[in-house]
Amino acid sequence: MNPEYTCTLGAYQTASGITDILVHVIERYFTNTRHVETTDRVCEAIMTSVITEASKVMANLQDYETRANIM
């Protein structure tokens, strides 16, 4: 996957992609599966990272580094 290909996306498409990522992770996080502590911690880290990077990329849609972190 090459983040450079996503630099042509507008704000709405970028925000939609970020929302999609979060929804997929949240879906897994809030299931009632037992004994998946490691997976839950990974989900928390992904959500935290995506939320942090989301504000950066929305401020600068051409930010390659941030798009790479989101991907």
Protein backbone atom coordinates (compact mmCIF):
# COMPACT_ATOMS: atom_id res chain seq x y z
CA MET A 1 0.00 0.00 0.00
CA ASN A 2 1.33 3.37 -1.00
CA PRO A 3 0.06 6.39 0.99
CA GLU A 4 0.97 8.64 -1.94
CA TYR A 5 -2.07 7.31 -3.80
CA THR A 6 -4.37 8.64 -1.07
CA CYS A 7 -3.07 12.23 -1.28
CA THR A 8 -5.56 13.03 -4.05
CA LEU A 9 -8.53 12.32 -1.77
CA GLY A 10 -10.52 15.26 -0.52
CA ALA A 11 -11.49 16.00 3.07
CA TYR A 12 -14.80 14.13 2.92
CA GLN A 13 -13.28 10.97 1.46
CA THR A 14 -10.38 11.10 3.90
CA ALA A 15 -12.72 11.52 6.88
CA SER A 16 -14.91 8.69 5.58
CA GLY A 17 -11.89 6.38 5.38
CA ILE A 18 -10.80 7.28 8.89
CA THR A 19 -14.32 6.65 10.17
CA ASP A 20 -14.38 3.28 8.41
CA ILE A 21 -11.12 2.24 10.05
CA LEU A 22 -12.41 3.23 13.49
CA VAL A 23 -15.75 1.46 13.03
CA HIS A 24 -14.05 -1.81 12.08
CA VAL A 25 -11.75 -1.64 15.11
CA ILE A 26 -14.56 -0.59 17.46
CA GLU A 27 -16.72 -3.45 16.20
CA ARG A 28 -14.06 -5.95 17.27
CA TYR A 29 -13.30 -4.10 20.51
CA PHE A 30 -16.89 -4.15 21.77
CA THR A 31 -17.67 -7.78 21.06
CA ASN A 32 -18.10 -9.90 24.15
CA THR A 33 -15.36 -12.37 23.25
CA ARG A 34 -13.54 -13.57 26.35
CA HIS A 35 -9.79 -13.94 26.87
CA VAL A 36 -8.66 -11.52 24.17
CA GLU A 37 -6.78 -9.02 26.34
CA THR A 38 -3.90 -8.66 23.88
CA THR A 39 -6.28 -8.03 21.00
CA ASP A 40 -8.14 -5.42 23.06
CA ARG A 41 -4.90 -3.58 23.83
CA VAL A 42 -3.98 -3.62 20.12
CA CYS A 43 -7.42 -2.20 19.29
CA GLU A 44 -6.93 0.56 21.86
CA ALA A 45 -3.57 1.46 20.36
CA ILE A 46 -4.97 1.53 16.83
CA MET A 47 -7.91 3.73 17.87
CA THR A 48 -5.64 6.13 19.73
CA SER A 49 -3.22 6.38 16.82
CA VAL A 50 -5.90 6.85 14.18
CA ILE A 51 -7.65 9.56 16.23
CA THR A 52 -4.35 11.39 16.77
CA GLU A 53 -3.36 11.16 13.11
CA ALA A 54 -6.87 12.06 11.89
CA SER A 55 -6.66 15.62 13.17
CA LYS A 56 -3.25 16.05 11.57
CA VAL A 57 -4.27 14.77 8.15
CA MET A 58 -7.49 16.81 8.15
CA ALA A 59 -5.39 19.93 8.79
CA ASN A 60 -3.06 19.04 5.92
CA LEU A 61 -4.52 16.65 3.36
CA GLN A 62 -1.14 16.37 1.59
CA ASP A 63 0.73 15.12 4.68
CA TYR A 64 2.35 11.92 3.42
CA GLU A 65 3.78 10.90 6.82
CA THR A 66 0.43 11.13 8.54
CA ARG A 67 -1.34 9.25 5.76
CA ALA A 68 1.34 6.55 6.05
CA ASN A 69 0.72 6.30 9.80
CA ILE A 70 -3.02 5.94 9.25
CA MET A 71 -2.49 3.21 6.67
